[in-house]
Amino acid sequence: MRHLRRAGPYLRVADPAWDDPLDGGYAARRGGRWNPPASFAVVYLCSSTPVARANVYRLLADQPYGPEDLEPATAPVLAATEVPSDRYVDAVTARGLTSIGLPATYPLDASGRTVDRERCEAIGQTAFDAGEPGIACRSAAPTAPYRGEELAWFERGAKLSAESTKLFEHWFW
């Protein structure tokens, strides 16, 4: 596996009902792009507000409503945090992607379809088992900006803390 150094400010799209918006336990139970359900804790982070917006659109893709229809009390909040400097698995560069068995066109495969989540879950499990701190990756949200990145931060005892949390109406529009 190849690595990239990442650190600094990141954002988490979170359910306002969660006790802690930066708790990886939610993803441990339900799974995510880089971890299977009922597995290990991951905090999924966005590198920018446009990537966070793209993830809201992805979450609402199969719903009969859009972000404009969300109730303010239940709409996603945006938590800001600082990620510690570390060497994360590289799922950003073409060389990094091919080193972990993904196409250089990720998040799309050669036919233009989004790479299956199960394929990424297996890579994430391998990285977690190898003691990696997480995976820096291109965003798989369909409306993410070009070069939009995310970070799957593996929660290994240490916790991230929210520096601030913004209500939906203060960050989305």
C-alpha atoms as a PDB file:
ATOM      1  CA  MET A   1       0.000   0.000   0.000  1.00  0.00           C
ATOM      2  CA  ARG A   2       1.153   3.491  -0.786  1.00  0.00           C
ATOM      3  CA  HIS A   3       0.598   6.340   1.671  1.00  0.00           C
ATOM      4  CA  LEU A   4      -0.180  10.067   1.761  1.00  0.00           C
ATOM      5  CA  ARG A   5       0.362  12.411   4.679  1.00  0.00           C
ATOM      6  CA  ARG A   6      -2.832  14.121   5.736  1.00  0.00           C
ATOM      7  CA  ALA A   7      -3.585  16.417   8.673  1.00  0.00           C
ATOM      8  CA  GLY A   8      -5.566  19.443   9.693  1.00  0.00           C
ATOM      9  CA  PRO A   9      -9.157  20.552   9.331  1.00  0.00           C
ATOM     10  CA  TYR A  10     -11.829  18.092   8.193  1.00  0.00           C
ATOM     11  CA  LEU A  11     -15.610  18.078   8.332  1.00  0.00           C
ATOM     12  CA  ARG A  12     -18.144  15.444   9.347  1.00  0.00           C
ATOM     13  CA  VAL A  13     -21.723  15.352   8.076  1.00  0.00           C
ATOM     14  CA  ALA A  14     -23.637  14.052  11.087  1.00  0.00           C
ATOM     15  CA  ASP A  15     -27.121  13.266  12.283  1.00  0.00           C
ATOM     16  CA  PRO A  16     -28.117  15.882  14.881  1.00  0.00           C
ATOM     17  CA  ALA A  17     -29.555  13.073  17.046  1.00  0.00           C
ATOM     18  CA  TRP A  18     -26.114  11.526  17.556  1.00  0.00           C
ATOM     19  CA  ASP A  19     -24.650  12.139  21.006  1.00  0.00           C
ATOM     20  CA  ASP A  20     -21.194  12.644  19.484  1.00  0.00           C
ATOM     21  CA  PRO A  21     -20.939  13.651  15.803  1.00  0.00           C
ATOM     22  CA  LEU A  22     -17.375  12.292  15.687  1.00  0.00           C
ATOM     23  CA  ASP A  23     -18.117   8.845  17.092  1.00  0.00           C
ATOM     24  CA  GLY A  24     -17.018   6.092  14.713  1.00  0.00           C
ATOM     25  CA  GLY A  25     -19.389   3.646  16.401  1.00  0.00           C
ATOM     26  CA  TYR A  26     -22.206   4.631  14.061  1.00  0.00           C
ATOM     27  CA  ALA A  27     -20.215   3.404  11.050  1.00  0.00           C
ATOM     28  CA  ALA A  28     -19.019   0.350  13.009  1.00  0.00           C
ATOM     29  CA  ARG A  29     -22.633  -0.797  13.326  1.00  0.00           C
ATOM     30  CA  ARG A  30     -23.939   0.147   9.871  1.00  0.00           C
ATOM     31  CA  GLY A  31     -20.767  -0.015   7.806  1.00  0.00           C
ATOM     32  CA  GLY A  32     -19.566   2.471   5.244  1.00  0.00           C
ATOM     33  CA  ARG A  33     -17.555   2.614   2.045  1.00  0.00           C
ATOM     34  CA  TRP A  34     -14.361   1.438   3.800  1.00  0.00           C
ATOM     35  CA  ASN A  35     -15.753  -0.801   6.568  1.00  0.00           C
ATOM     36  CA  PRO A  36     -18.310  -3.609   6.517  1.00  0.00           C
ATOM     37  CA  PRO A  37     -21.342  -3.551   8.834  1.00  0.00           C
ATOM     38  CA  ALA A  38     -20.734  -4.818  12.380  1.00  0.00           C
ATOM     39  CA  SER A  39     -16.986  -4.244  12.115  1.00  0.00           C
ATOM     40  CA  PHE A  40     -14.596  -1.516  13.275  1.00  0.00           C
ATOM     41  CA  ALA A  41     -15.178   2.161  14.063  1.00  0.00           C
ATOM     42  CA  VAL A  42     -14.562   4.671  11.278  1.00  0.00           C
ATOM     43  CA  VAL A  43     -15.167   8.401  11.257  1.00  0.00           C
ATOM     44  CA  TYR A  44     -15.944   9.437   7.681  1.00  0.00           C
ATOM     45  CA  LEU A  45     -14.686  12.962   7.042  1.00  0.00           C
ATOM     46  CA  CYS A  46     -14.877  15.445   4.174  1.00  0.00           C
ATOM     47  CA  SER A  47     -12.031  17.716   3.095  1.00  0.00           C
ATOM     48  CA  SER A  48     -14.323  20.642   2.248  1.00  0.00           C
ATOM     49  CA  THR A  49     -17.862  21.956   2.482  1.00  0.00           C
ATOM     50  CA  PRO A  50     -18.561  21.157  -1.222  1.00  0.00           C
ATOM     51  CA  VAL A  51     -17.630  17.504  -0.548  1.00  0.00           C
ATOM     52  CA  ALA A  52     -19.893  17.527   2.524  1.00  0.00           C
ATOM     53  CA  ARG A  53     -22.768  18.900   0.400  1.00  0.00           C
ATOM     54  CA  ALA A  54     -22.163  16.159  -2.181  1.00  0.00           C
ATOM     55  CA  ASN A  55     -22.487  13.571   0.578  1.00  0.00           C
ATOM     56  CA  VAL A  56     -25.849  14.997   1.644  1.00  0.00           C
ATOM     57  CA  TYR A  57     -27.067  14.713  -1.945  1.00  0.00           C
ATOM     58  CA  ARG A  58     -25.754  11.117  -2.012  1.00  0.00           C
ATOM     59  CA  LEU A  59     -27.611  10.284   1.215  1.00  0.00           C
ATOM     60  CA  LEU A  60     -30.844  11.701  -0.211  1.00  0.00           C
ATOM     61  CA  ALA A  61     -30.484  10.182  -3.700  1.00  0.00           C
ATOM     62  CA  ASP A  62     -33.198   7.531  -3.265  1.00  0.00           C
ATOM     63  CA  GLN A  63     -35.562   9.698  -1.249  1.00  0.00           C
ATOM     64  CA  PRO A  64     -38.672  11.394  -2.650  1.00  0.00           C
ATOM     65  CA  TYR A  65     -37.413  14.722  -1.290  1.00  0.00           C
ATOM     66  CA  GLY A  66     -34.343  16.916  -1.465  1.00  0.00           C
ATOM     67  CA  PRO A  67     -32.305  18.991   0.984  1.00  0.00           C
ATOM     68  CA  GLU A  68     -34.711  21.915   0.608  1.00  0.00           C
ATOM     69  CA  ASP A  69     -37.438  19.745   2.179  1.00  0.00           C
ATOM     70  CA  LEU A  70     -35.513  18.769   5.317  1.00  0.00           C
ATOM     71  CA  GLU A  71     -36.787  19.877   8.698  1.00  0.00           C
ATOM     72  CA  PRO A  72     -34.180  22.067  10.399  1.00  0.00           C
ATOM     73  CA  ALA A  73     -34.282  19.981  13.601  1.00  0.00           C
ATOM     74  CA  THR A  74     -33.456  16.739  11.767  1.00  0.00           C
ATOM     75  CA  ALA A  75     -31.239  17.996   8.942  1.00  0.00           C
ATOM     76  CA  PRO A  76     -27.530  17.002   8.997  1.00  0.00           C
ATOM     77  CA  VAL A  77     -25.145  19.120  11.016  1.00  0.00           C
ATOM     78  CA  LEU A  78     -21.539  19.780  10.052  1.00  0.00           C
ATOM     79  CA  ALA A  79     -18.892  19.132  12.699  1.00  0.00           C
ATOM     80  CA  ALA A  80     -15.399  20.558  12.239  1.00  0.00           C
ATOM     81  CA  THR A  81     -12.384  18.720  13.638  1.00  0.00           C
ATOM     82  CA  GLU A  82      -8.599  18.582  13.386  1.00  0.00           C
ATOM     83  CA  VAL A  83      -7.103  15.313  12.174  1.00  0.00           C
ATOM     84  CA  PRO A  84      -3.678  14.379  13.524  1.00  0.00           C
ATOM     85  CA  SER A  85      -0.854  14.252  11.009  1.00  0.00           C
ATOM     86  CA  ASP A  86      -0.232  10.703   9.845  1.00  0.00           C
ATOM     87  CA  ARG A  87       0.480   8.542   6.802  1.00  0.00           C
ATOM     88  CA  TYR A  88      -2.879   7.326   5.485  1.00  0.00           C
ATOM     89  CA  VAL A  89      -3.471   4.651   2.847  1.00  0.00           C
ATOM     90  CA  ASP A  90      -3.497   6.365  -0.559  1.00  0.00           C
ATOM     91  CA  ALA A  91      -6.765   5.990  -2.443  1.00  0.00           C
ATOM     92  CA  VAL A  92      -6.272   9.392  -4.107  1.00  0.00           C
ATOM     93  CA  THR A  93      -3.455   9.036  -6.632  1.00  0.00           C
ATOM     94  CA  ALA A  94      -3.479   6.643  -9.576  1.00  0.00           C
ATOM     95  CA  ARG A  95      -0.428   4.801  -8.181  1.00  0.00           C
ATOM     96  CA  GLY A  96      -2.000   4.544  -4.742  1.00  0.00           C
ATOM     97  CA  LEU A  97      -5.278   3.232  -6.133  1.00  0.00           C
ATOM     98  CA  THR A  98      -3.634   0.541  -8.251  1.00  0.00           C
ATOM     99  CA  SER A  99      -1.466  -0.481  -5.269  1.00  0.00           C
ATOM    100  CA  ILE A 100      -4.640  -1.425  -3.355  1.00  0.00           C
ATOM    101  CA  GLY A 101      -6.335  -3.100  -6.291  1.00  0.00           C
ATOM    102  CA  LEU A 102      -8.623  -0.303  -7.441  1.00  0.00           C
ATOM    103  CA  PRO A 103      -8.742   1.229 -10.915  1.00  0.00           C
ATOM    104  CA  ALA A 104      -6.952   4.532 -11.470  1.00  0.00           C
ATOM    105  CA  THR A 105     -10.389   5.858 -12.494  1.00  0.00           C
ATOM    106  CA  TYR A 106     -11.788   5.381  -8.967  1.00  0.00           C
ATOM    107  CA  PRO A 107     -14.491   6.053  -7.831  1.00  0.00           C
ATOM    108  CA  LEU A 108     -15.580   4.775 -11.226  1.00  0.00           C
ATOM    109  CA  ASP A 109     -14.578   1.487 -12.824  1.00  0.00           C
ATOM    110  CA  ALA A 110     -13.583   1.040 -16.476  1.00  0.00           C
ATOM    111  CA  SER A 111     -17.252   0.904 -17.534  1.00  0.00           C
ATOM    112  CA  GLY A 112     -18.077   4.187 -15.788  1.00  0.00           C
ATOM    113  CA  ARG A 113     -19.953   2.636 -12.866  1.00  0.00           C
ATOM    114  CA  THR A 114     -19.184   3.418  -9.244  1.00  0.00           C
ATOM    115  CA  VAL A 115     -16.833   0.813  -7.745  1.00  0.00           C
ATOM    116  CA  ASP A 116     -18.813  -1.539  -5.514  1.00  0.00           C
ATOM    117  CA  ARG A 117     -18.810  -0.664  -1.847  1.00  0.00           C
ATOM    118  CA  GLU A 118     -18.066  -4.309  -0.950  1.00  0.00           C
ATOM    119  CA  ARG A 119     -14.766  -4.081  -2.814  1.00  0.00           C
ATOM    120  CA  CYS A 120     -13.793  -1.002  -0.808  1.00  0.00           C
ATOM    121  CA  GLU A 121     -14.973  -2.597   2.448  1.00  0.00           C
ATOM    122  CA  ALA A 122     -12.544  -5.490   1.890  1.00  0.00           C
ATOM    123  CA  ILE A 123      -9.676  -3.046   1.269  1.00  0.00           C
ATOM    124  CA  GLY A 124     -10.627  -1.116   4.387  1.00  0.00           C
ATOM    125  CA  GLN A 125     -10.683  -4.297   6.453  1.00  0.00           C
ATOM    126  CA  THR A 126      -7.214  -5.234   5.168  1.00  0.00           C
ATOM    127  CA  ALA A 127      -5.906  -1.754   5.999  1.00  0.00           C
ATOM    128  CA  PHE A 128      -7.460  -1.836   9.460  1.00  0.00           C
ATOM    129  CA  ASP A 129      -6.034  -5.312  10.151  1.00  0.00           C
ATOM    130  CA  ALA A 130      -2.599  -4.033   9.064  1.00  0.00           C
ATOM    131  CA  GLY A 131      -2.753  -1.276  11.697  1.00  0.00           C
ATOM    132  CA  GLU A 132      -3.226   1.608   9.265  1.00  0.00           C
ATOM    133  CA  PRO A 133      -4.660   4.858  10.711  1.00  0.00           C
ATOM    134  CA  GLY A 134      -7.161   5.290   7.870  1.00  0.00           C
ATOM    135  CA  ILE A 135      -7.656   5.823   4.165  1.00  0.00           C
ATOM    136  CA  ALA A 136      -7.354   9.114   2.268  1.00  0.00           C
ATOM    137  CA  CYS A 137      -9.611   8.735  -0.753  1.00  0.00           C
ATOM    138  CA  ARG A 138     -11.291  10.433  -3.647  1.00  0.00           C
ATOM    139  CA  SER A 139     -14.903  11.149  -2.802  1.00  0.00           C
ATOM    140  CA  ALA A 140     -17.354   8.622  -4.256  1.00  0.00           C
ATOM    141  CA  ALA A 141     -20.293  11.026  -3.877  1.00  0.00           C
ATOM    142  CA  PRO A 142     -21.604  11.530  -7.435  1.00  0.00           C
ATOM    143  CA  THR A 143     -21.758  15.333  -7.232  1.00  0.00           C
ATOM    144  CA  ALA A 144     -18.422  15.770  -5.428  1.00  0.00           C
ATOM    145  CA  PRO A 145     -16.124  18.383  -6.928  1.00  0.00           C
ATOM    146  CA  TYR A 146     -13.179  17.288  -9.027  1.00  0.00           C
ATOM    147  CA  ARG A 147     -10.352  16.210  -6.701  1.00  0.00           C
ATOM    148  CA  GLY A 148     -12.750  16.245  -3.753  1.00  0.00           C
ATOM    149  CA  GLU A 149     -11.299  14.104  -0.989  1.00  0.00           C
ATOM    150  CA  GLU A 150     -12.547  12.268   2.037  1.00  0.00           C
ATOM    151  CA  LEU A 151     -10.746  10.611   4.915  1.00  0.00           C
ATOM    152  CA  ALA A 152     -11.852   7.376   6.529  1.00  0.00           C
ATOM    153  CA  TRP A 153     -10.254   7.839   9.960  1.00  0.00           C
ATOM    154  CA  PHE A 154      -9.984   4.573  11.882  1.00  0.00           C
ATOM    155  CA  GLU A 155     -10.925   5.128  15.490  1.00  0.00           C
ATOM    156  CA  ARG A 156      -8.326   3.150  17.430  1.00  0.00           C
ATOM    157  CA  GLY A 157      -8.944   4.253  21.005  1.00  0.00           C
ATOM    158  CA  ALA A 158      -8.205   7.926  20.369  1.00  0.00           C
ATOM    159  CA  LYS A 159     -11.152  10.198  19.673  1.00  0.00           C
ATOM    160  CA  LEU A 160     -11.548  13.231  17.476  1.00  0.00           C
ATOM    161  CA  SER A 161     -13.236  16.208  19.062  1.00  0.00           C
ATOM    162  CA  ALA A 162     -15.585  18.694  17.467  1.00  0.00           C
ATOM    163  CA  GLU A 163     -14.170  22.199  17.342  1.00  0.00           C
ATOM    164  CA  SER A 164     -17.513  23.519  16.157  1.00  0.00           C
ATOM    165  CA  THR A 165     -20.837  22.233  14.890  1.00  0.00           C
ATOM    166  CA  LYS A 166     -22.990  24.117  12.402  1.00  0.00           C
ATOM    167  CA  LEU A 167     -26.696  23.642  11.839  1.00  0.00           C
ATOM    168  CA  PHE A 168     -27.772  22.668   8.318  1.00  0.00           C
ATOM    169  CA  GLU A 169     -29.151  26.082   7.411  1.00  0.00           C
ATOM    170  CA  HIS A 170     -25.807  27.667   8.358  1.00  0.00           C
ATOM    171  CA  TRP A 171     -23.554  25.454   6.238  1.00  0.00           C
ATOM    172  CA  PHE A 172     -25.454  23.779   3.411  1.00  0.00           C
ATOM    173  CA  TRP A 173     -26.812  26.727   1.430  1.00  0.00           C
END
